[in-house]
Protein backbone atom coordinates (compact mmCIF):
# COMPACT_ATOMS: atom_id res chain seq x y z
CA UNK A 1 0.00 0.00 0.00
CA UNK A 2 1.27 3.45 -0.90
CA UNK A 3 2.21 5.83 1.89
CA UNK A 4 0.05 8.97 2.09
CA UNK A 5 1.83 12.33 2.12
CA UNK A 6 0.56 15.84 2.89
CA UNK A 7 2.55 18.72 1.40
CA UNK A 8 2.33 22.07 3.19
CA UNK A 9 3.97 24.67 0.95
CA UNK A 10 2.87 28.21 0.05
CA UNK A 11 4.91 28.48 -3.17
CA UNK A 12 2.76 26.74 -5.78
CA UNK A 13 5.57 25.99 -8.23
CA UNK A 14 7.76 24.51 -5.52
CA UNK A 15 4.81 22.52 -4.17
CA UNK A 16 4.09 21.01 -7.59
CA UNK A 17 7.75 20.11 -8.12
CA UNK A 18 7.86 18.37 -4.75
CA UNK A 19 4.56 16.63 -5.46
CA UNK A 20 5.76 15.28 -8.81
CA UNK A 21 8.97 13.97 -7.24
CA UNK A 22 7.11 12.39 -4.31
CA UNK A 23 4.71 10.65 -6.68
CA UNK A 24 7.65 9.36 -8.75
CA UNK A 25 9.03 7.75 -5.59
CA UNK A 26 5.81 5.77 -5.23
CA UNK A 27 4.12 7.83 -2.53
CA UNK A 28 0.57 9.10 -2.71
CA UNK A 29 0.17 12.87 -2.33
CA UNK A 30 -3.16 13.30 -0.53
CA UNK A 31 -3.22 17.06 -0.77
CA UNK A 32 -1.16 20.22 -1.24
CA UNK A 33 -2.08 23.06 1.12
CA UNK A 34 -0.58 26.48 1.83
CA UNK A 35 -1.76 27.33 5.36
CA UNK A 36 -1.82 25.84 8.84
CA UNK A 37 -5.63 25.80 8.93
CA UNK A 38 -5.88 23.77 5.73
CA UNK A 39 -3.09 21.48 6.95
CA UNK A 40 -4.89 20.76 10.21
CA UNK A 41 -8.14 20.10 8.33
CA UNK A 42 -6.31 17.62 6.10
CA UNK A 43 -4.86 15.85 9.15
CA UNK A 44 -8.33 15.50 10.66
CA UNK A 45 -9.88 14.16 7.46
CA UNK A 46 -7.21 11.86 6.06
CA UNK A 47 -5.01 8.92 7.00
CA UNK A 48 -1.51 10.32 6.67
CA UNK A 49 1.89 8.66 6.90
CA UNK A 50 4.06 11.74 6.42
CA UNK A 51 3.91 15.55 6.29
CA UNK A 52 6.32 17.66 4.26
CA UNK A 53 6.19 21.04 5.98
CA UNK A 54 7.50 24.40 4.85
CA UNK A 55 8.38 26.72 7.74
CA UNK A 56 7.08 29.92 6.15
CA UNK A 57 3.44 29.33 5.23
CA UNK A 58 0.31 31.44 4.91
CA UNK A 59 -1.88 32.24 7.90
CA UNK A 60 -1.46 33.29 11.50
CA UNK A 61 1.02 30.58 12.50
CA UNK A 62 4.09 29.22 10.76
CA UNK A 63 4.96 25.65 9.85
CA UNK A 64 6.67 24.88 13.16
CA UNK A 65 3.66 25.97 15.21
CA UNK A 66 1.44 24.07 12.81
CA UNK A 67 3.54 20.94 13.36
CA UNK A 68 3.04 21.24 17.11
CA UNK A 69 -0.72 21.28 16.56
CA UNK A 70 -0.51 18.30 14.20
CA UNK A 71 1.39 16.30 16.83
CA UNK A 72 -1.46 16.94 19.27
CA UNK A 73 -3.85 15.30 16.81
CA UNK A 74 -1.74 12.43 15.45
CA UNK A 75 1.87 11.33 15.85
CA UNK A 76 2.74 11.75 12.17
CA UNK A 77 6.37 11.98 10.96
CA UNK A 78 7.19 15.50 9.76
CA UNK A 79 9.99 16.62 7.45
CA UNK A 80 10.66 20.35 7.37
CA UNK A 81 11.60 21.94 4.06
CA UNK A 82 12.74 25.52 4.53
CA UNK A 83 14.94 28.30 3.22
CA UNK A 84 15.77 29.18 6.83
CA UNK A 85 18.57 27.54 8.79
CA UNK A 86 19.25 30.10 11.54
CA UNK A 87 19.75 28.87 15.11
CA UNK A 88 16.41 30.15 16.39
CA UNK A 89 14.41 28.44 13.64
CA UNK A 90 16.33 25.18 13.99
CA UNK A 91 15.92 25.18 17.78
CA UNK A 92 12.16 25.65 17.47
CA UNK A 93 11.96 22.95 14.80
CA UNK A 94 13.97 20.44 16.83
CA UNK A 95 11.55 20.87 19.74
CA UNK A 96 8.83 19.30 17.55
CA UNK A 97 10.96 16.18 17.04
CA UNK A 98 10.93 16.18 13.22
CA UNK A 99 12.15 13.26 11.14
CA UNK A 100 14.40 15.60 9.16
CA UNK A 101 15.08 19.24 8.28
CA UNK A 102 16.02 20.02 4.67
CA UNK A 103 17.28 23.44 3.62
CA UNK A 104 16.20 24.86 0.26
CA UNK A 105 17.44 24.40 -2.36
CA UNK A 106 17.66 20.76 -1.33
CA UNK A 107 18.94 17.76 -3.25
CA UNK A 108 16.23 15.33 -4.33
CA UNK A 109 18.42 12.50 -3.05
CA UNK A 110 18.24 14.09 0.41
CA UNK A 111 14.45 14.18 0.24
CA UNK A 112 14.30 10.60 -1.00
CA UNK A 113 16.39 9.28 1.89
CA UNK A 114 14.64 11.49 4.48
CA UNK A 115 11.24 10.19 3.35
CA UNK A 116 12.46 6.59 3.36
CA UNK A 117 13.73 6.95 6.92
CA UNK A 118 10.60 8.76 8.10
CA UNK A 119 8.28 6.10 6.71
CA UNK A 120 10.58 3.24 7.72
CA UNK A 121 11.05 1.91 4.21
CA UNK A 122 14.02 -0.43 4.30
CA UNK A 123 16.34 0.01 1.37
CA UNK A 124 20.00 -0.26 0.52
CA UNK A 125 20.04 3.51 0.07
CA UNK A 126 20.08 3.73 3.87
CA UNK A 127 23.64 2.46 4.02
CA UNK A 128 25.82 4.00 6.74
CA UNK A 129 29.60 3.70 6.98
CA UNK A 130 31.59 2.75 10.07
CA UNK A 131 33.26 6.19 10.35
CA UNK A 132 30.68 8.87 11.06
CA UNK A 133 31.44 12.45 10.06
CA UNK A 134 28.09 13.84 11.19
CA UNK A 135 24.37 13.01 10.77
CA UNK A 136 24.77 13.38 7.00
CA UNK A 137 28.16 11.95 6.01
CA UNK A 138 29.96 8.70 6.81
CA UNK A 139 32.73 6.56 5.32
CA UNK A 140 32.78 2.81 4.79
CA UNK A 141 36.36 1.71 5.35
CA UNK A 142 35.71 -1.82 4.06
CA UNK A 143 34.41 -0.70 0.65
CA UNK A 144 36.22 2.65 0.61
CA UNK A 145 32.99 4.56 0.02
CA UNK A 146 31.87 8.03 1.00
CA UNK A 147 28.19 7.98 1.97
CA UNK A 148 25.81 10.93 2.23
CA UNK A 149 22.38 10.27 3.72
CA UNK A 150 22.59 6.64 2.71
CA UNK A 151 23.71 7.32 -0.87
CA UNK A 152 27.21 6.41 -2.06
CA UNK A 153 29.01 9.48 -3.43
CA UNK A 154 31.21 8.73 -6.43
CA UNK A 155 34.89 9.44 -5.81
CA UNK A 156 37.70 9.31 -8.34
CA UNK A 157 40.74 7.20 -7.49
CA UNK A 158 42.71 10.25 -6.34
CA UNK A 159 39.78 11.67 -4.37
CA UNK A 160 39.44 8.34 -2.57
CA UNK A 161 43.17 8.23 -1.80
CA UNK A 162 43.04 11.78 -0.46
CA UNK A 163 40.03 11.09 1.75
CA UNK A 164 41.59 7.90 3.14
CA UNK A 165 44.77 9.81 3.96
CA UNK A 166 42.86 12.57 5.71
CA UNK A 167 40.74 10.06 7.65
CA UNK A 168 43.85 8.20 8.80
CA UNK A 169 45.05 11.48 10.32
CA UNK A 170 41.64 12.88 11.24
CA UNK A 171 41.69 16.04 13.33
CA UNK A 172 45.41 16.36 12.68
CA UNK A 173 47.25 18.29 9.99
CA UNK A 174 48.43 16.41 6.92
CA UNK A 175 51.32 18.36 5.43
CA UNK A 176 51.36 19.39 1.79
CA UNK A 177 54.51 17.32 1.30
CA UNK A 178 52.94 14.17 2.81
CA UNK A 179 49.80 14.63 0.75
CA UNK A 180 51.59 15.09 -2.55
CA UNK A 181 54.00 12.24 -1.87
CA UNK A 182 51.08 9.93 -1.04
CA UNK A 183 48.86 10.86 -3.98
CA UNK A 184 51.58 11.31 -6.60
CA UNK A 185 54.56 9.22 -5.37
CA UNK A 186 56.24 9.07 -8.78
CA UNK A 187 55.57 12.60 -9.99
CA UNK A 188 56.84 16.01 -9.02
CA UNK A 189 54.45 18.20 -7.04
CA UNK A 190 52.01 20.43 -8.87
CA UNK A 191 50.25 23.11 -6.82
CA UNK A 192 47.39 23.62 -9.27
CA UNK A 193 46.66 19.89 -9.50
CA UNK A 194 46.71 19.57 -5.71
CA UNK A 195 44.38 22.52 -5.22
CA UNK A 196 41.99 21.20 -7.86
CA UNK A 197 41.85 17.83 -6.12
CA UNK A 198 41.22 19.45 -2.74
CA UNK A 199 38.51 21.61 -4.28
CA UNK A 200 36.72 18.62 -5.82
CA UNK A 201 36.70 16.68 -2.57
CA UNK A 202 35.61 19.74 -0.62
CA UNK A 203 32.66 20.18 -2.98
CA UNK A 204 31.58 16.54 -2.53
CA UNK A 205 31.75 17.04 1.24
CA UNK A 206 29.46 20.07 0.81
CA UNK A 207 32.23 22.35 2.07
CA UNK A 208 32.25 20.71 5.48
CA UNK A 209 35.05 19.07 7.50
CA UNK A 210 38.01 19.87 5.24
CA UNK A 211 40.13 22.73 6.60
CA UNK A 212 43.05 24.38 4.80
CA UNK A 213 46.01 25.27 7.02
CA UNK A 214 47.61 28.03 4.96
CA UNK A 215 51.04 27.09 3.55
CA UNK A 216 51.19 24.03 5.80
CA UNK A 217 48.61 21.43 4.86
CA UNK A 218 45.06 20.21 5.42
CA UNK A 219 42.96 18.79 8.24
CA UNK A 220 39.78 16.71 8.30
CA UNK A 221 37.71 17.80 11.29
CA UNK A 222 35.33 15.01 12.24
C-alpha atoms as a PDB file:
ATOM      1  CA  UNK A   1       0.000   0.000   0.000  1.00  0.00           C
ATOM      2  CA  UNK A   2       1.271   3.449  -0.896  1.00  0.00           C
ATOM      3  CA  UNK A   3       2.207   5.830   1.894  1.00  0.00           C
ATOM      4  CA  UNK A   4       0.049   8.967   2.086  1.00  0.00           C
ATOM      5  CA  UNK A   5       1.828  12.331   2.119  1.00  0.00           C
ATOM      6  CA  UNK A   6       0.558  15.838   2.890  1.00  0.00           C
ATOM      7  CA  UNK A   7       2.550  18.723   1.396  1.00  0.00           C
ATOM      8  CA  UNK A   8       2.335  22.066   3.192  1.00  0.00           C
ATOM      9  CA  UNK A   9       3.974  24.673   0.950  1.00  0.00           C
ATOM     10  CA  UNK A  10       2.865  28.211   0.054  1.00  0.00           C
ATOM     11  CA  UNK A  11       4.910  28.484  -3.165  1.00  0.00           C
ATOM     12  CA  UNK A  12       2.760  26.745  -5.776  1.00  0.00           C
ATOM     13  CA  UNK A  13       5.572  25.991  -8.234  1.00  0.00           C
ATOM     14  CA  UNK A  14       7.761  24.508  -5.516  1.00  0.00           C
ATOM     15  CA  UNK A  15       4.809  22.516  -4.170  1.00  0.00           C
ATOM     16  CA  UNK A  16       4.089  21.009  -7.590  1.00  0.00           C
ATOM     17  CA  UNK A  17       7.748  20.114  -8.125  1.00  0.00           C
ATOM     18  CA  UNK A  18       7.859  18.375  -4.749  1.00  0.00           C
ATOM     19  CA  UNK A  19       4.556  16.631  -5.464  1.00  0.00           C
ATOM     20  CA  UNK A  20       5.763  15.279  -8.809  1.00  0.00           C
ATOM     21  CA  UNK A  21       8.965  13.969  -7.244  1.00  0.00           C
ATOM     22  CA  UNK A  22       7.115  12.387  -4.308  1.00  0.00           C
ATOM     23  CA  UNK A  23       4.708  10.648  -6.683  1.00  0.00           C
ATOM     24  CA  UNK A  24       7.650   9.358  -8.754  1.00  0.00           C
ATOM     25  CA  UNK A  25       9.035   7.753  -5.593  1.00  0.00           C
ATOM     26  CA  UNK A  26       5.814   5.773  -5.231  1.00  0.00           C
ATOM     27  CA  UNK A  27       4.122   7.828  -2.529  1.00  0.00           C
ATOM     28  CA  UNK A  28       0.565   9.097  -2.705  1.00  0.00           C
ATOM     29  CA  UNK A  29       0.173  12.874  -2.335  1.00  0.00           C
ATOM     30  CA  UNK A  30      -3.155  13.296  -0.530  1.00  0.00           C
ATOM     31  CA  UNK A  31      -3.221  17.064  -0.765  1.00  0.00           C
ATOM     32  CA  UNK A  32      -1.163  20.222  -1.238  1.00  0.00           C
ATOM     33  CA  UNK A  33      -2.079  23.061   1.125  1.00  0.00           C
ATOM     34  CA  UNK A  34      -0.584  26.480   1.833  1.00  0.00           C
ATOM     35  CA  UNK A  35      -1.760  27.334   5.357  1.00  0.00           C
ATOM     36  CA  UNK A  36      -1.824  25.838   8.837  1.00  0.00           C
ATOM     37  CA  UNK A  37      -5.629  25.796   8.927  1.00  0.00           C
ATOM     38  CA  UNK A  38      -5.881  23.765   5.732  1.00  0.00           C
ATOM     39  CA  UNK A  39      -3.094  21.481   6.949  1.00  0.00           C
ATOM     40  CA  UNK A  40      -4.895  20.755  10.213  1.00  0.00           C
ATOM     41  CA  UNK A  41      -8.145  20.104   8.334  1.00  0.00           C
ATOM     42  CA  UNK A  42      -6.309  17.624   6.104  1.00  0.00           C
ATOM     43  CA  UNK A  43      -4.856  15.853   9.145  1.00  0.00           C
ATOM     44  CA  UNK A  44      -8.325  15.499  10.663  1.00  0.00           C
ATOM     45  CA  UNK A  45      -9.879  14.162   7.459  1.00  0.00           C
ATOM     46  CA  UNK A  46      -7.205  11.855   6.057  1.00  0.00           C
ATOM     47  CA  UNK A  47      -5.013   8.916   6.996  1.00  0.00           C
ATOM     48  CA  UNK A  48      -1.511  10.321   6.671  1.00  0.00           C
ATOM     49  CA  UNK A  49       1.889   8.658   6.903  1.00  0.00           C
ATOM     50  CA  UNK A  50       4.063  11.740   6.421  1.00  0.00           C
ATOM     51  CA  UNK A  51       3.913  15.545   6.294  1.00  0.00           C
ATOM     52  CA  UNK A  52       6.324  17.663   4.261  1.00  0.00           C
ATOM     53  CA  UNK A  53       6.190  21.036   5.981  1.00  0.00           C
ATOM     54  CA  UNK A  54       7.503  24.400   4.849  1.00  0.00           C
ATOM     55  CA  UNK A  55       8.378  26.719   7.743  1.00  0.00           C
ATOM     56  CA  UNK A  56       7.082  29.918   6.152  1.00  0.00           C
ATOM     57  CA  UNK A  57       3.444  29.332   5.226  1.00  0.00           C
ATOM     58  CA  UNK A  58       0.305  31.436   4.914  1.00  0.00           C
ATOM     59  CA  UNK A  59      -1.882  32.236   7.897  1.00  0.00           C
ATOM     60  CA  UNK A  60      -1.457  33.294  11.500  1.00  0.00           C
ATOM     61  CA  UNK A  61       1.015  30.575  12.498  1.00  0.00           C
ATOM     62  CA  UNK A  62       4.089  29.218  10.756  1.00  0.00           C
ATOM     63  CA  UNK A  63       4.965  25.647   9.852  1.00  0.00           C
ATOM     64  CA  UNK A  64       6.668  24.884  13.156  1.00  0.00           C
ATOM     65  CA  UNK A  65       3.665  25.975  15.215  1.00  0.00           C
ATOM     66  CA  UNK A  66       1.439  24.067  12.810  1.00  0.00           C
ATOM     67  CA  UNK A  67       3.537  20.939  13.358  1.00  0.00           C
ATOM     68  CA  UNK A  68       3.041  21.244  17.113  1.00  0.00           C
ATOM     69  CA  UNK A  69      -0.722  21.276  16.559  1.00  0.00           C
ATOM     70  CA  UNK A  70      -0.505  18.299  14.205  1.00  0.00           C
ATOM     71  CA  UNK A  71       1.395  16.303  16.834  1.00  0.00           C
ATOM     72  CA  UNK A  72      -1.459  16.944  19.268  1.00  0.00           C
ATOM     73  CA  UNK A  73      -3.852  15.297  16.808  1.00  0.00           C
ATOM     74  CA  UNK A  74      -1.738  12.426  15.448  1.00  0.00           C
ATOM     75  CA  UNK A  75       1.872  11.333  15.845  1.00  0.00           C
ATOM     76  CA  UNK A  76       2.744  11.746  12.168  1.00  0.00           C
ATOM     77  CA  UNK A  77       6.373  11.980  10.955  1.00  0.00           C
ATOM     78  CA  UNK A  78       7.188  15.503   9.760  1.00  0.00           C
ATOM     79  CA  UNK A  79       9.988  16.623   7.455  1.00  0.00           C
ATOM     80  CA  UNK A  80      10.664  20.349   7.368  1.00  0.00           C
ATOM     81  CA  UNK A  81      11.600  21.940   4.057  1.00  0.00           C
ATOM     82  CA  UNK A  82      12.741  25.517   4.531  1.00  0.00           C
ATOM     83  CA  UNK A  83      14.941  28.296   3.223  1.00  0.00           C
ATOM     84  CA  UNK A  84      15.769  29.184   6.825  1.00  0.00           C
ATOM     85  CA  UNK A  85      18.568  27.543   8.792  1.00  0.00           C
ATOM     86  CA  UNK A  86      19.247  30.097  11.541  1.00  0.00           C
ATOM     87  CA  UNK A  87      19.750  28.870  15.105  1.00  0.00           C
ATOM     88  CA  UNK A  88      16.413  30.151  16.388  1.00  0.00           C
ATOM     89  CA  UNK A  89      14.409  28.443  13.635  1.00  0.00           C
ATOM     90  CA  UNK A  90      16.335  25.183  13.994  1.00  0.00           C
ATOM     91  CA  UNK A  91      15.921  25.184  17.777  1.00  0.00           C
ATOM     92  CA  UNK A  92      12.163  25.650  17.468  1.00  0.00           C
ATOM     93  CA  UNK A  93      11.960  22.951  14.805  1.00  0.00           C
ATOM     94  CA  UNK A  94      13.968  20.439  16.835  1.00  0.00           C
ATOM     95  CA  UNK A  95      11.553  20.875  19.736  1.00  0.00           C
ATOM     96  CA  UNK A  96       8.826  19.300  17.553  1.00  0.00           C
ATOM     97  CA  UNK A  97      10.960  16.179  17.037  1.00  0.00           C
ATOM     98  CA  UNK A  98      10.928  16.176  13.218  1.00  0.00           C
ATOM     99  CA  UNK A  99      12.146  13.258  11.138  1.00  0.00           C
ATOM    100  CA  UNK A 100      14.401  15.596   9.158  1.00  0.00           C
ATOM    101  CA  UNK A 101      15.083  19.238   8.275  1.00  0.00           C
ATOM    102  CA  UNK A 102      16.018  20.024   4.671  1.00  0.00           C
ATOM    103  CA  UNK A 103      17.275  23.442   3.624  1.00  0.00           C
ATOM    104  CA  UNK A 104      16.201  24.865   0.258  1.00  0.00           C
ATOM    105  CA  UNK A 105      17.443  24.396  -2.356  1.00  0.00           C
ATOM    106  CA  UNK A 106      17.660  20.757  -1.326  1.00  0.00           C
ATOM    107  CA  UNK A 107      18.940  17.765  -3.249  1.00  0.00           C
ATOM    108  CA  UNK A 108      16.226  15.334  -4.334  1.00  0.00           C
ATOM    109  CA  UNK A 109      18.416  12.502  -3.049  1.00  0.00           C
ATOM    110  CA  UNK A 110      18.241  14.091   0.411  1.00  0.00           C
ATOM    111  CA  UNK A 111      14.446  14.176   0.245  1.00  0.00           C
ATOM    112  CA  UNK A 112      14.300  10.597  -1.000  1.00  0.00           C
ATOM    113  CA  UNK A 113      16.391   9.284   1.894  1.00  0.00           C
ATOM    114  CA  UNK A 114      14.640  11.490   4.476  1.00  0.00           C
ATOM    115  CA  UNK A 115      11.242  10.192   3.348  1.00  0.00           C
ATOM    116  CA  UNK A 116      12.457   6.591   3.361  1.00  0.00           C
ATOM    117  CA  UNK A 117      13.729   6.945   6.921  1.00  0.00           C
ATOM    118  CA  UNK A 118      10.605   8.764   8.102  1.00  0.00           C
ATOM    119  CA  UNK A 119       8.276   6.101   6.713  1.00  0.00           C
ATOM    120  CA  UNK A 120      10.582   3.245   7.718  1.00  0.00           C
ATOM    121  CA  UNK A 121      11.052   1.909   4.207  1.00  0.00           C
ATOM    122  CA  UNK A 122      14.022  -0.428   4.302  1.00  0.00           C
ATOM    123  CA  UNK A 123      16.341   0.006   1.374  1.00  0.00           C
ATOM    124  CA  UNK A 124      20.000  -0.259   0.519  1.00  0.00           C
ATOM    125  CA  UNK A 125      20.042   3.505   0.069  1.00  0.00           C
ATOM    126  CA  UNK A 126      20.075   3.733   3.867  1.00  0.00           C
ATOM    127  CA  UNK A 127      23.644   2.465   4.023  1.00  0.00           C
ATOM    128  CA  UNK A 128      25.820   4.003   6.743  1.00  0.00           C
ATOM    129  CA  UNK A 129      29.598   3.700   6.982  1.00  0.00           C
ATOM    130  CA  UNK A 130      31.586   2.753  10.074  1.00  0.00           C
ATOM    131  CA  UNK A 131      33.256   6.185  10.355  1.00  0.00           C
ATOM    132  CA  UNK A 132      30.681   8.871  11.058  1.00  0.00           C
ATOM    133  CA  UNK A 133      31.444  12.446  10.061  1.00  0.00           C
ATOM    134  CA  UNK A 134      28.087  13.843  11.192  1.00  0.00           C
ATOM    135  CA  UNK A 135      24.372  13.010  10.769  1.00  0.00           C
ATOM    136  CA  UNK A 136      24.771  13.382   6.999  1.00  0.00           C
ATOM    137  CA  UNK A 137      28.165  11.948   6.006  1.00  0.00           C
ATOM    138  CA  UNK A 138      29.965   8.704   6.807  1.00  0.00           C
ATOM    139  CA  UNK A 139      32.726   6.563   5.322  1.00  0.00           C
ATOM    140  CA  UNK A 140      32.779   2.808   4.791  1.00  0.00           C
ATOM    141  CA  UNK A 141      36.363   1.709   5.354  1.00  0.00           C
ATOM    142  CA  UNK A 142      35.709  -1.815   4.057  1.00  0.00           C
ATOM    143  CA  UNK A 143      34.412  -0.705   0.654  1.00  0.00           C
ATOM    144  CA  UNK A 144      36.219   2.653   0.612  1.00  0.00           C
ATOM    145  CA  UNK A 145      32.988   4.559   0.018  1.00  0.00           C
ATOM    146  CA  UNK A 146      31.870   8.034   1.003  1.00  0.00           C
ATOM    147  CA  UNK A 147      28.189   7.981   1.972  1.00  0.00           C
ATOM    148  CA  UNK A 148      25.810  10.933   2.234  1.00  0.00           C
ATOM    149  CA  UNK A 149      22.376  10.269   3.723  1.00  0.00           C
ATOM    150  CA  UNK A 150      22.588   6.639   2.706  1.00  0.00           C
ATOM    151  CA  UNK A 151      23.707   7.316  -0.866  1.00  0.00           C
ATOM    152  CA  UNK A 152      27.208   6.409  -2.064  1.00  0.00           C
ATOM    153  CA  UNK A 153      29.006   9.481  -3.429  1.00  0.00           C
ATOM    154  CA  UNK A 154      31.213   8.735  -6.427  1.00  0.00           C
ATOM    155  CA  UNK A 155      34.894   9.440  -5.808  1.00  0.00           C
ATOM    156  CA  UNK A 156      37.699   9.309  -8.338  1.00  0.00           C
ATOM    157  CA  UNK A 157      40.740   7.200  -7.494  1.00  0.00           C
ATOM    158  CA  UNK A 158      42.709  10.250  -6.342  1.00  0.00           C
ATOM    159  CA  UNK A 159      39.783  11.669  -4.365  1.00  0.00           C
ATOM    160  CA  UNK A 160      39.439   8.341  -2.573  1.00  0.00           C
ATOM    161  CA  UNK A 161      43.166   8.231  -1.801  1.00  0.00           C
ATOM    162  CA  UNK A 162      43.042  11.779  -0.459  1.00  0.00           C
ATOM    163  CA  UNK A 163      40.034  11.087   1.753  1.00  0.00           C
ATOM    164  CA  UNK A 164      41.586   7.901   3.138  1.00  0.00           C
ATOM    165  CA  UNK A 165      44.773   9.807   3.963  1.00  0.00           C
ATOM    166  CA  UNK A 166      42.856  12.566   5.713  1.00  0.00           C
ATOM    167  CA  UNK A 167      40.741  10.058   7.647  1.00  0.00           C
ATOM    168  CA  UNK A 168      43.849   8.200   8.802  1.00  0.00           C
ATOM    169  CA  UNK A 169      45.054  11.481  10.322  1.00  0.00           C
ATOM    170  CA  UNK A 170      41.640  12.879  11.243  1.00  0.00           C
ATOM    171  CA  UNK A 171      41.687  16.042  13.334  1.00  0.00           C
ATOM    172  CA  UNK A 172      45.414  16.360  12.680  1.00  0.00           C
ATOM    173  CA  UNK A 173      47.248  18.294   9.989  1.00  0.00           C
ATOM    174  CA  UNK A 174      48.433  16.415   6.915  1.00  0.00           C
ATOM    175  CA  UNK A 175      51.320  18.360   5.432  1.00  0.00           C
ATOM    176  CA  UNK A 176      51.365  19.391   1.790  1.00  0.00           C
ATOM    177  CA  UNK A 177      54.515  17.319   1.303  1.00  0.00           C
ATOM    178  CA  UNK A 178      52.941  14.173   2.814  1.00  0.00           C
ATOM    179  CA  UNK A 179      49.799  14.629   0.754  1.00  0.00           C
ATOM    180  CA  UNK A 180      51.590  15.092  -2.547  1.00  0.00           C
ATOM    181  CA  UNK A 181      54.003  12.238  -1.870  1.00  0.00           C
ATOM    182  CA  UNK A 182      51.079   9.928  -1.040  1.00  0.00           C
ATOM    183  CA  UNK A 183      48.857  10.860  -3.980  1.00  0.00           C
ATOM    184  CA  UNK A 184      51.577  11.311  -6.600  1.00  0.00           C
ATOM    185  CA  UNK A 185      54.561   9.224  -5.374  1.00  0.00           C
ATOM    186  CA  UNK A 186      56.243   9.071  -8.778  1.00  0.00           C
ATOM    187  CA  UNK A 187      55.568  12.601  -9.990  1.00  0.00           C
ATOM    188  CA  UNK A 188      56.844  16.013  -9.022  1.00  0.00           C
ATOM    189  CA  UNK A 189      54.446  18.201  -7.038  1.00  0.00           C
ATOM    190  CA  UNK A 190      52.008  20.435  -8.873  1.00  0.00           C
ATOM    191  CA  UNK A 191      50.246  23.105  -6.819  1.00  0.00           C
ATOM    192  CA  UNK A 192      47.391  23.616  -9.273  1.00  0.00           C
ATOM    193  CA  UNK A 193      46.664  19.889  -9.505  1.00  0.00           C
ATOM    194  CA  UNK A 194      46.706  19.567  -5.714  1.00  0.00           C
ATOM    195  CA  UNK A 195      44.382  22.516  -5.216  1.00  0.00           C
ATOM    196  CA  UNK A 196      41.994  21.199  -7.864  1.00  0.00           C
ATOM    197  CA  UNK A 197      41.853  17.828  -6.116  1.00  0.00           C
ATOM    198  CA  UNK A 198      41.221  19.454  -2.739  1.00  0.00           C
ATOM    199  CA  UNK A 199      38.513  21.615  -4.278  1.00  0.00           C
ATOM    200  CA  UNK A 200      36.717  18.622  -5.819  1.00  0.00           C
ATOM    201  CA  UNK A 201      36.699  16.679  -2.569  1.00  0.00           C
ATOM    202  CA  UNK A 202      35.611  19.736  -0.617  1.00  0.00           C
ATOM    203  CA  UNK A 203      32.662  20.179  -2.981  1.00  0.00           C
ATOM    204  CA  UNK A 204      31.581  16.541  -2.529  1.00  0.00           C
ATOM    205  CA  UNK A 205      31.746  17.043   1.236  1.00  0.00           C
ATOM    206  CA  UNK A 206      29.457  20.068   0.812  1.00  0.00           C
ATOM    207  CA  UNK A 207      32.226  22.351   2.065  1.00  0.00           C
ATOM    208  CA  UNK A 208      32.251  20.714   5.485  1.00  0.00           C
ATOM    209  CA  UNK A 209      35.047  19.073   7.504  1.00  0.00           C
ATOM    210  CA  UNK A 210      38.014  19.875   5.242  1.00  0.00           C
ATOM    211  CA  UNK A 211      40.130  22.732   6.605  1.00  0.00           C
ATOM    212  CA  UNK A 212      43.049  24.378   4.799  1.00  0.00           C
ATOM    213  CA  UNK A 213      46.006  25.272   7.018  1.00  0.00           C
ATOM    214  CA  UNK A 214      47.610  28.029   4.958  1.00  0.00           C
ATOM    215  CA  UNK A 215      51.041  27.088   3.548  1.00  0.00           C
ATOM    216  CA  UNK A 216      51.185  24.033   5.797  1.00  0.00           C
ATOM    217  CA  UNK A 217      48.608  21.425   4.858  1.00  0.00           C
ATOM    218  CA  UNK A 218      45.063  20.208   5.422  1.00  0.00           C
ATOM    219  CA  UNK A 219      42.962  18.794   8.239  1.00  0.00           C
ATOM    220  CA  UNK A 220      39.781  16.715   8.304  1.00  0.00           C
ATOM    221  CA  UNK A 221      37.713  17.802  11.287  1.00  0.00           C
ATOM    222  CA  UNK A 222      35.331  15.010  12.243  1.00  0.00           C
END
